[in-house]
Amino acid sequence: MDEAGLEAAILAAHAAGDEAALARLYGAAGDIRLAAGDIDAACFFHTQAHVFALSAADLAAAEASHALLKRYGREE
């Protein structure tokens, strides 16, 4: 999915209140930014992914985003 499609999917998931989809989509956005070398944006998106994964009780997704955030020093 390209970034425009991802943005549309994120907006639709917000409108639907679909926290599990938001966790997945924000994680994907973070991965795209990470691949582009934009660590700050990647960590922003993974913070959102982490929050929505916790809200959706998706502990595996929450841990994956949390591990990335720790790797880049976003948790001291």
N, C-alpha and C. Protein backbone atom coordinates (compact mmCIF):
# COMPACT_ATOMS: atom_id res chain seq x y z
N MET A 1 0.86 -1.17 0.00
CA MET A 1 0.00 0.00 0.00
C MET A 1 0.91 1.24 0.00
N ASP A 2 0.60 2.20 -0.87
CA ASP A 2 1.38 3.42 -0.89
C ASP A 2 0.96 4.34 0.25
N GLU A 3 1.71 5.42 0.45
CA GLU A 3 1.43 6.30 1.59
C GLU A 3 0.06 6.97 1.51
N ALA A 4 -0.39 7.33 0.31
CA ALA A 4 -1.72 7.94 0.17
C ALA A 4 -2.81 6.94 0.54
N GLY A 5 -2.65 5.71 0.11
CA GLY A 5 -3.62 4.67 0.45
C GLY A 5 -3.60 4.37 1.94
N LEU A 6 -2.42 4.40 2.52
CA LEU A 6 -2.28 4.16 3.95
C LEU A 6 -2.95 5.27 4.74
N GLU A 7 -2.76 6.51 4.30
CA GLU A 7 -3.41 7.63 4.98
C GLU A 7 -4.93 7.50 4.92
N ALA A 8 -5.45 7.13 3.76
CA ALA A 8 -6.91 6.96 3.61
C ALA A 8 -7.40 5.83 4.51
N ALA A 9 -6.63 4.75 4.59
CA ALA A 9 -7.02 3.63 5.44
C ALA A 9 -7.00 4.02 6.92
N ILE A 10 -6.02 4.82 7.31
CA ILE A 10 -5.95 5.29 8.70
C ILE A 10 -7.16 6.15 9.03
N LEU A 11 -7.50 7.06 8.14
CA LEU A 11 -8.66 7.92 8.37
C LEU A 11 -9.94 7.10 8.46
N ALA A 12 -10.08 6.09 7.60
CA ALA A 12 -11.26 5.23 7.63
C ALA A 12 -11.32 4.43 8.93
N ALA A 13 -10.18 3.94 9.39
CA ALA A 13 -10.14 3.18 10.64
C ALA A 13 -10.48 4.06 11.83
N HIS A 14 -10.02 5.32 11.80
CA HIS A 14 -10.41 6.26 12.86
C HIS A 14 -11.92 6.47 12.84
N ALA A 15 -12.48 6.68 11.67
CA ALA A 15 -13.92 6.91 11.54
C ALA A 15 -14.71 5.71 12.05
N ALA A 16 -14.17 4.52 11.84
CA ALA A 16 -14.86 3.29 12.26
C ALA A 16 -14.56 2.93 13.71
N GLY A 17 -13.57 3.60 14.31
CA GLY A 17 -13.19 3.26 15.68
C GLY A 17 -12.52 1.91 15.78
N ASP A 18 -11.85 1.47 14.72
CA ASP A 18 -11.24 0.15 14.65
C ASP A 18 -9.80 0.23 15.18
N GLU A 19 -9.64 0.02 16.48
CA GLU A 19 -8.33 0.16 17.12
C GLU A 19 -7.33 -0.88 16.64
N ALA A 20 -7.78 -2.08 16.36
CA ALA A 20 -6.86 -3.12 15.87
C ALA A 20 -6.30 -2.72 14.51
N ALA A 21 -7.15 -2.21 13.64
CA ALA A 21 -6.68 -1.76 12.32
C ALA A 21 -5.75 -0.57 12.48
N LEU A 22 -6.07 0.34 13.39
CA LEU A 22 -5.21 1.50 13.61
C LEU A 22 -3.82 1.07 14.08
N ALA A 23 -3.76 0.10 14.95
CA ALA A 23 -2.46 -0.40 15.42
C ALA A 23 -1.66 -0.93 14.24
N ARG A 24 -2.30 -1.72 13.40
CA ARG A 24 -1.62 -2.31 12.25
C ARG A 24 -1.20 -1.23 11.25
N LEU A 25 -2.09 -0.30 10.96
CA LEU A 25 -1.83 0.74 9.95
C LEU A 25 -0.76 1.72 10.41
N TYR A 26 -0.84 2.15 11.67
CA TYR A 26 0.20 3.05 12.17
C TYR A 26 1.56 2.34 12.21
N GLY A 27 1.55 1.05 12.53
CA GLY A 27 2.80 0.29 12.48
C GLY A 27 3.37 0.25 11.07
N ALA A 28 2.50 0.05 10.09
CA ALA A 28 2.94 0.03 8.69
C ALA A 28 3.50 1.40 8.29
N ALA A 29 2.83 2.46 8.71
CA ALA A 29 3.32 3.81 8.40
C ALA A 29 4.69 4.03 9.03
N GLY A 30 4.85 3.54 10.26
CA GLY A 30 6.15 3.66 10.92
C GLY A 30 7.23 2.89 10.19
N ASP A 31 6.89 1.71 9.72
CA ASP A 31 7.87 0.90 8.99
C ASP A 31 8.28 1.58 7.68
N ILE A 32 7.33 2.23 7.01
CA ILE A 32 7.65 2.96 5.78
C ILE A 32 8.61 4.09 6.07
N ARG A 33 8.34 4.86 7.13
CA ARG A 33 9.21 5.98 7.48
C ARG A 33 10.58 5.48 7.94
N LEU A 34 10.60 4.34 8.64
CA LEU A 34 11.87 3.76 9.07
C LEU A 34 12.71 3.37 7.86
N ALA A 35 12.09 2.75 6.88
CA ALA A 35 12.80 2.35 5.66
C ALA A 35 13.34 3.56 4.91
N ALA A 36 12.66 4.69 5.04
CA ALA A 36 13.10 5.93 4.39
C ALA A 36 14.16 6.66 5.20
N GLY A 37 14.47 6.14 6.39
CA GLY A 37 15.49 6.74 7.22
C GLY A 37 15.01 7.88 8.11
N ASP A 38 13.70 8.04 8.20
CA ASP A 38 13.12 9.12 9.01
C ASP A 38 12.74 8.53 10.38
N ILE A 39 13.72 8.46 11.26
CA ILE A 39 13.56 7.80 12.56
C ILE A 39 12.52 8.52 13.42
N ASP A 40 12.55 9.85 13.43
CA ASP A 40 11.58 10.58 14.26
C ASP A 40 10.14 10.28 13.84
N ALA A 41 9.87 10.32 12.56
CA ALA A 41 8.51 10.02 12.08
C ALA A 41 8.16 8.56 12.34
N ALA A 42 9.12 7.68 12.14
CA ALA A 42 8.87 6.26 12.39
C ALA A 42 8.48 6.04 13.86
N CYS A 43 9.19 6.68 14.75
CA CYS A 43 8.88 6.53 16.17
C CYS A 43 7.55 7.17 16.53
N PHE A 44 7.21 8.28 15.90
CA PHE A 44 5.89 8.87 16.12
C PHE A 44 4.80 7.87 15.74
N PHE A 45 4.90 7.30 14.54
CA PHE A 45 3.87 6.37 14.09
C PHE A 45 3.84 5.11 14.96
N HIS A 46 5.01 4.64 15.38
CA HIS A 46 5.02 3.44 16.23
C HIS A 46 4.51 3.74 17.64
N THR A 47 4.62 4.96 18.09
CA THR A 47 3.99 5.33 19.36
C THR A 47 2.48 5.20 19.24
N GLN A 48 1.94 5.70 18.13
CA GLN A 48 0.49 5.58 17.89
C GLN A 48 0.10 4.11 17.78
N ALA A 49 0.91 3.34 17.06
CA ALA A 49 0.63 1.91 16.91
C ALA A 49 0.61 1.22 18.27
N HIS A 50 1.56 1.58 19.11
CA HIS A 50 1.65 0.98 20.45
C HIS A 50 0.40 1.28 21.27
N VAL A 51 -0.03 2.53 21.27
CA VAL A 51 -1.21 2.93 22.04
C VAL A 51 -2.46 2.19 21.54
N PHE A 52 -2.65 2.16 20.23
CA PHE A 52 -3.84 1.49 19.70
C PHE A 52 -3.77 -0.03 19.89
N ALA A 53 -2.58 -0.60 19.82
CA ALA A 53 -2.45 -2.04 20.07
C ALA A 53 -2.81 -2.37 21.52
N LEU A 54 -2.38 -1.53 22.45
CA LEU A 54 -2.75 -1.75 23.85
C LEU A 54 -4.26 -1.62 24.03
N SER A 55 -4.86 -0.63 23.38
CA SER A 55 -6.32 -0.44 23.48
C SER A 55 -7.07 -1.62 22.90
N ALA A 56 -6.51 -2.22 21.86
CA ALA A 56 -7.16 -3.37 21.20
C ALA A 56 -6.77 -4.69 21.85
N ALA A 57 -5.95 -4.64 22.89
CA ALA A 57 -5.46 -5.83 23.59
C ALA A 57 -4.67 -6.76 22.67
N ASP A 58 -3.96 -6.16 21.71
CA ASP A 58 -3.08 -6.93 20.82
C ASP A 58 -1.67 -6.80 21.39
N LEU A 59 -1.38 -7.67 22.33
CA LEU A 59 -0.12 -7.56 23.07
C LEU A 59 1.10 -7.82 22.20
N ALA A 60 0.98 -8.69 21.20
CA ALA A 60 2.11 -8.95 20.32
C ALA A 60 2.46 -7.71 19.51
N ALA A 61 1.46 -7.02 18.97
CA ALA A 61 1.70 -5.80 18.20
C ALA A 61 2.22 -4.70 19.12
N ALA A 62 1.68 -4.61 20.33
CA ALA A 62 2.14 -3.61 21.28
C ALA A 62 3.61 -3.83 21.61
N GLU A 63 4.00 -5.07 21.83
CA GLU A 63 5.39 -5.37 22.16
C GLU A 63 6.31 -5.07 20.99
N ALA A 64 5.88 -5.34 19.77
CA ALA A 64 6.72 -5.07 18.60
C ALA A 64 7.00 -3.57 18.48
N SER A 65 5.98 -2.76 18.62
CA SER A 65 6.18 -1.31 18.54
C SER A 65 7.01 -0.82 19.72
N HIS A 66 6.74 -1.36 20.89
CA HIS A 66 7.49 -0.96 22.09
C HIS A 66 8.98 -1.28 21.93
N ALA A 67 9.28 -2.44 21.37
CA ALA A 67 10.68 -2.82 21.17
C ALA A 67 11.37 -1.87 20.21
N LEU A 68 10.67 -1.46 19.15
CA LEU A 68 11.25 -0.50 18.21
C LEU A 68 11.51 0.83 18.90
N LEU A 69 10.55 1.28 19.68
CA LEU A 69 10.72 2.55 20.39
C LEU A 69 11.90 2.50 21.35
N LYS A 70 12.06 1.40 22.04
CA LYS A 70 13.20 1.25 22.95
C LYS A 70 14.52 1.23 22.16
N ARG A 71 14.52 0.55 21.02
CA ARG A 71 15.73 0.46 20.20
C ARG A 71 16.22 1.84 19.78
N TYR A 72 15.29 2.77 19.56
CA TYR A 72 15.67 4.10 19.12
C TYR A 72 15.66 5.13 20.26
N GLY A 73 15.73 4.63 21.48
CA GLY A 73 15.91 5.51 22.64
C GLY A 73 14.71 6.37 22.98
N ARG A 74 13.50 5.92 22.62
CA ARG A 74 12.33 6.70 22.92
C ARG A 74 11.74 6.37 24.28
N GLU A 75 12.40 5.45 24.97
CA GLU A 75 12.01 5.14 26.34
C GLU A 75 13.29 5.03 27.15
N GLU A 76 13.37 5.80 28.16
CA GLU A 76 14.57 5.79 29.00
C GLU A 76 14.28 5.02 30.27
